[in-house]
Amino acid sequence: MAECNYFKFLEHTADVYIEVCGESLEKAFELAGIALFEVMTDTSRVELRVTHVIEDRGFDLENTLYRWLEDLLIEYGKSNVVFSYINVEYVRKEGENYVFRAICSGDYFNSEKHEVRTEVKAVTYSLMEIAKLDRKWLLRFVLDI
């Protein structure tokens, strides 16, 4: 199996295009969340001082990924916390929906302490892809900056 458990930034003319590979759907969601915050700051320098639980649902996998990233962005907007550690406990189908639950830890963003990068305005469905390939999950999505 090819190397997995990574995220990388792909070429895009105006926004941020991200590819994530995870050995499980949960790992892929974790990496997608870290990639979102990596656009905004250097997550390796964010201490684990605050923890939030994020739970939600989507009507299909694409909507679930969208809701996951949007929930992280909303939490950042509400509490000013950037997450550097994410543990997605599950992403699973329940009835007609997909549900997820994650424990996210990080710190209150402080421009004197944390590197200021690019503000993420919104999550989009543009170029969104979710594929299961052998025993890994590949996600692609665009963040509006």
C-alpha atoms as a PDB file:
ATOM      1  CA  MET A   1       0.000   0.000   0.000  1.00  0.00           C
ATOM      2  CA  ALA A   2       1.285   3.452  -0.896  1.00  0.00           C
ATOM      3  CA  GLU A   3       2.265   5.852   1.888  1.00  0.00           C
ATOM      4  CA  CYS A   4      -0.779   7.338   3.575  1.00  0.00           C
ATOM      5  CA  ASN A   5      -1.788   9.538   6.546  1.00  0.00           C
ATOM      6  CA  TYR A   6      -0.838  12.884   5.071  1.00  0.00           C
ATOM      7  CA  PHE A   7      -2.310  16.103   3.790  1.00  0.00           C
ATOM      8  CA  LYS A   8      -0.892  18.330   1.101  1.00  0.00           C
ATOM      9  CA  PHE A   9      -1.799  21.554  -0.613  1.00  0.00           C
ATOM     10  CA  LEU A  10      -2.593  21.318  -4.328  1.00  0.00           C
ATOM     11  CA  GLU A  11      -2.441  24.042  -6.968  1.00  0.00           C
ATOM     12  CA  HIS A  12      -5.460  26.365  -7.122  1.00  0.00           C
ATOM     13  CA  THR A  13      -5.789  29.795  -8.691  1.00  0.00           C
ATOM     14  CA  ALA A  14      -7.577  31.616  -5.872  1.00  0.00           C
ATOM     15  CA  ASP A  15      -8.310  29.400  -2.878  1.00  0.00           C
ATOM     16  CA  VAL A  16      -6.723  26.567  -0.897  1.00  0.00           C
ATOM     17  CA  TYR A  17      -7.088  23.092  -2.425  1.00  0.00           C
ATOM     18  CA  ILE A  18      -6.234  20.251  -0.054  1.00  0.00           C
ATOM     19  CA  GLU A  19      -5.699  16.528  -0.549  1.00  0.00           C
ATOM     20  CA  VAL A  20      -5.841  14.189   2.434  1.00  0.00           C
ATOM     21  CA  CYS A  21      -5.029  10.491   2.606  1.00  0.00           C
ATOM     22  CA  GLY A  22      -5.981   8.487   5.692  1.00  0.00           C
ATOM     23  CA  GLU A  23      -5.769   4.831   6.606  1.00  0.00           C
ATOM     24  CA  SER A  24      -9.365   5.160   7.863  1.00  0.00           C
ATOM     25  CA  LEU A  25     -12.168   7.619   7.269  1.00  0.00           C
ATOM     26  CA  GLU A  26     -11.677   8.894  10.827  1.00  0.00           C
ATOM     27  CA  LYS A  27      -7.955   9.479  10.230  1.00  0.00           C
ATOM     28  CA  ALA A  28      -8.740  11.289   6.971  1.00  0.00           C
ATOM     29  CA  PHE A  29     -11.210  13.572   8.797  1.00  0.00           C
ATOM     30  CA  GLU A  30      -8.591  14.249  11.518  1.00  0.00           C
ATOM     31  CA  LEU A  31      -6.012  15.238   8.918  1.00  0.00           C
ATOM     32  CA  ALA A  32      -8.549  17.394   7.049  1.00  0.00           C
ATOM     33  CA  GLY A  33      -9.217  19.281  10.281  1.00  0.00           C
ATOM     34  CA  ILE A  34      -5.522  19.803  10.993  1.00  0.00           C
ATOM     35  CA  ALA A  35      -5.008  20.962   7.383  1.00  0.00           C
ATOM     36  CA  LEU A  36      -7.760  23.561   7.865  1.00  0.00           C
ATOM     37  CA  PHE A  37      -5.942  25.031  10.874  1.00  0.00           C
ATOM     38  CA  GLU A  38      -2.548  24.693   9.183  1.00  0.00           C
ATOM     39  CA  VAL A  39      -3.800  27.201   6.584  1.00  0.00           C
ATOM     40  CA  MET A  40      -4.322  29.675   9.444  1.00  0.00           C
ATOM     41  CA  THR A  41      -1.254  28.990  11.639  1.00  0.00           C
ATOM     42  CA  ASP A  42       1.624  26.618  12.366  1.00  0.00           C
ATOM     43  CA  THR A  43      -0.265  23.921  14.289  1.00  0.00           C
ATOM     44  CA  SER A  44       2.974  22.360  15.554  1.00  0.00           C
ATOM     45  CA  ARG A  45       3.371  25.411  17.801  1.00  0.00           C
ATOM     46  CA  VAL A  46      -0.167  25.319  19.249  1.00  0.00           C
ATOM     47  CA  GLU A  47      -0.296  23.988  22.795  1.00  0.00           C
ATOM     48  CA  LEU A  48      -3.114  21.751  24.050  1.00  0.00           C
ATOM     49  CA  ARG A  49      -4.872  23.985  26.587  1.00  0.00           C
ATOM     50  CA  VAL A  50      -8.549  23.817  25.568  1.00  0.00           C
ATOM     51  CA  THR A  51     -10.648  20.820  24.521  1.00  0.00           C
ATOM     52  CA  HIS A  52     -13.952  20.764  22.646  1.00  0.00           C
ATOM     53  CA  VAL A  53     -16.196  17.903  21.564  1.00  0.00           C
ATOM     54  CA  ILE A  54     -17.656  18.318  18.099  1.00  0.00           C
ATOM     55  CA  GLU A  55     -20.589  16.166  17.006  1.00  0.00           C
ATOM     56  CA  ASP A  56     -22.804  16.547  13.966  1.00  0.00           C
ATOM     57  CA  ARG A  57     -24.321  14.741  11.021  1.00  0.00           C
ATOM     58  CA  GLY A  58     -24.556  14.957   7.268  1.00  0.00           C
ATOM     59  CA  PHE A  59     -26.916  13.481   4.707  1.00  0.00           C
ATOM     60  CA  ASP A  60     -24.082  11.899   2.658  1.00  0.00           C
ATOM     61  CA  LEU A  61     -20.296  11.656   2.967  1.00  0.00           C
ATOM     62  CA  GLU A  62     -19.627  14.909   1.096  1.00  0.00           C
ATOM     63  CA  ASN A  63     -22.089  16.805   3.279  1.00  0.00           C
ATOM     64  CA  THR A  64     -20.574  15.154   6.359  1.00  0.00           C
ATOM     65  CA  LEU A  65     -17.062  16.317   5.393  1.00  0.00           C
ATOM     66  CA  TYR A  66     -18.449  19.781   4.669  1.00  0.00           C
ATOM     67  CA  ARG A  67     -20.260  19.901   8.042  1.00  0.00           C
ATOM     68  CA  TRP A  68     -17.130  18.655   9.859  1.00  0.00           C
ATOM     69  CA  LEU A  69     -14.909  21.375   8.425  1.00  0.00           C
ATOM     70  CA  GLU A  70     -17.621  24.006   8.804  1.00  0.00           C
ATOM     71  CA  ASP A  71     -18.142  23.028  12.463  1.00  0.00           C
ATOM     72  CA  LEU A  72     -14.403  23.463  13.092  1.00  0.00           C
ATOM     73  CA  LEU A  73     -14.476  26.874  11.406  1.00  0.00           C
ATOM     74  CA  ILE A  74     -17.577  27.900  13.379  1.00  0.00           C
ATOM     75  CA  GLU A  75     -15.935  26.812  16.635  1.00  0.00           C
ATOM     76  CA  TYR A  76     -12.879  28.879  15.740  1.00  0.00           C
ATOM     77  CA  GLY A  77     -15.140  31.868  15.012  1.00  0.00           C
ATOM     78  CA  LYS A  78     -17.022  31.455  18.308  1.00  0.00           C
ATOM     79  CA  SER A  79     -14.211  30.637  20.705  1.00  0.00           C
ATOM     80  CA  ASN A  80     -11.055  31.752  18.827  1.00  0.00           C
ATOM     81  CA  VAL A  81      -9.513  28.307  19.419  1.00  0.00           C
ATOM     82  CA  VAL A  82      -7.164  26.789  16.855  1.00  0.00           C
ATOM     83  CA  PHE A  83      -6.913  23.029  17.136  1.00  0.00           C
ATOM     84  CA  SER A  84      -3.620  21.178  16.820  1.00  0.00           C
ATOM     85  CA  TYR A  85      -4.798  17.756  18.035  1.00  0.00           C
ATOM     86  CA  ILE A  86      -7.920  16.055  16.715  1.00  0.00           C
ATOM     87  CA  ASN A  87      -9.206  12.586  17.556  1.00  0.00           C
ATOM     88  CA  VAL A  88     -12.193  11.644  15.406  1.00  0.00           C
ATOM     89  CA  GLU A  89     -13.843   8.869  17.402  1.00  0.00           C
ATOM     90  CA  TYR A  90     -16.161   7.825  14.596  1.00  0.00           C
ATOM     91  CA  VAL A  91     -17.647   8.676  11.222  1.00  0.00           C
ATOM     92  CA  ARG A  92     -20.411   6.191  10.532  1.00  0.00           C
ATOM     93  CA  LYS A  93     -23.715   5.706   8.817  1.00  0.00           C
ATOM     94  CA  GLU A  94     -26.735   5.793  11.113  1.00  0.00           C
ATOM     95  CA  GLY A  95     -30.020   5.349   9.326  1.00  0.00           C
ATOM     96  CA  GLU A  96     -30.111   7.745   6.388  1.00  0.00           C
ATOM     97  CA  ASN A  97     -27.321   9.988   7.731  1.00  0.00           C
ATOM     98  CA  TYR A  98     -23.644   9.898   8.572  1.00  0.00           C
ATOM     99  CA  VAL A  99     -22.670  11.011  12.064  1.00  0.00           C
ATOM    100  CA  PHE A 100     -19.337  11.978  13.560  1.00  0.00           C
ATOM    101  CA  ARG A 101     -17.844  12.776  16.943  1.00  0.00           C
ATOM    102  CA  ALA A 102     -14.415  14.242  17.629  1.00  0.00           C
ATOM    103  CA  ILE A 103     -12.343  15.446  20.558  1.00  0.00           C
ATOM    104  CA  CYS A 104     -10.362  18.536  19.496  1.00  0.00           C
ATOM    105  CA  SER A 105      -7.653  20.231  21.545  1.00  0.00           C
ATOM    106  CA  GLY A 106      -5.730  23.430  20.983  1.00  0.00           C
ATOM    107  CA  ASP A 107      -5.307  26.936  22.274  1.00  0.00           C
ATOM    108  CA  TYR A 108      -6.850  30.379  22.004  1.00  0.00           C
ATOM    109  CA  PHE A 109      -5.311  32.042  18.972  1.00  0.00           C
ATOM    110  CA  ASN A 110      -2.919  34.823  19.942  1.00  0.00           C
ATOM    111  CA  SER A 111      -1.120  36.682  17.133  1.00  0.00           C
ATOM    112  CA  GLU A 112       1.761  37.468  19.484  1.00  0.00           C
ATOM    113  CA  LYS A 113       2.263  33.769  20.171  1.00  0.00           C
ATOM    114  CA  HIS A 114       1.009  32.016  17.013  1.00  0.00           C
ATOM    115  CA  GLU A 115       2.047  32.540  13.407  1.00  0.00           C
ATOM    116  CA  VAL A 116      -0.574  34.476  11.445  1.00  0.00           C
ATOM    117  CA  ARG A 117      -1.156  32.875   8.046  1.00  0.00           C
ATOM    118  CA  THR A 118      -4.282  33.031   5.888  1.00  0.00           C
ATOM    119  CA  GLU A 119      -7.845  33.535   7.101  1.00  0.00           C
ATOM    120  CA  VAL A 120     -10.229  30.796   5.959  1.00  0.00           C
ATOM    121  CA  LYS A 121     -13.588  32.364   5.118  1.00  0.00           C
ATOM    122  CA  ALA A 122     -15.595  29.252   4.295  1.00  0.00           C
ATOM    123  CA  VAL A 123     -15.666  25.601   3.356  1.00  0.00           C
ATOM    124  CA  THR A 124     -16.872  24.849  -0.183  1.00  0.00           C
ATOM    125  CA  TYR A 125     -18.135  21.897  -2.198  1.00  0.00           C
ATOM    126  CA  SER A 126     -15.897  22.981  -5.081  1.00  0.00           C
ATOM    127  CA  LEU A 127     -13.740  20.089  -6.363  1.00  0.00           C
ATOM    128  CA  MET A 128     -14.782  17.994  -3.343  1.00  0.00           C
ATOM    129  CA  GLU A 129     -13.990  14.308  -3.705  1.00  0.00           C
ATOM    130  CA  ILE A 130     -14.178  11.390  -1.303  1.00  0.00           C
ATOM    131  CA  ALA A 131     -12.890   8.014  -2.451  1.00  0.00           C
ATOM    132  CA  LYS A 132     -12.064   4.741  -0.755  1.00  0.00           C
ATOM    133  CA  LEU A 133      -9.067   3.185  -2.510  1.00  0.00           C
ATOM    134  CA  ASP A 134      -8.086  -0.275  -1.295  1.00  0.00           C
ATOM    135  CA  ARG A 135      -7.580   0.274   2.440  1.00  0.00           C
ATOM    136  CA  LYS A 136      -7.232   4.052   2.452  1.00  0.00           C
ATOM    137  CA  TRP A 137      -9.444   7.114   2.095  1.00  0.00           C
ATOM    138  CA  LEU A 138      -8.641  10.013  -0.213  1.00  0.00           C
ATOM    139  CA  LEU A 139     -10.334  13.389   0.356  1.00  0.00           C
ATOM    140  CA  ARG A 140     -10.028  16.567  -1.698  1.00  0.00           C
ATOM    141  CA  PHE A 141     -11.692  19.870  -0.883  1.00  0.00           C
ATOM    142  CA  VAL A 142     -11.350  23.618  -1.345  1.00  0.00           C
ATOM    143  CA  LEU A 143     -11.316  26.271   1.375  1.00  0.00           C
ATOM    144  CA  ASP A 144     -12.377  29.810   0.455  1.00  0.00           C
ATOM    145  CA  ILE A 145      -9.789  32.364   1.591  1.00  0.00           C
END
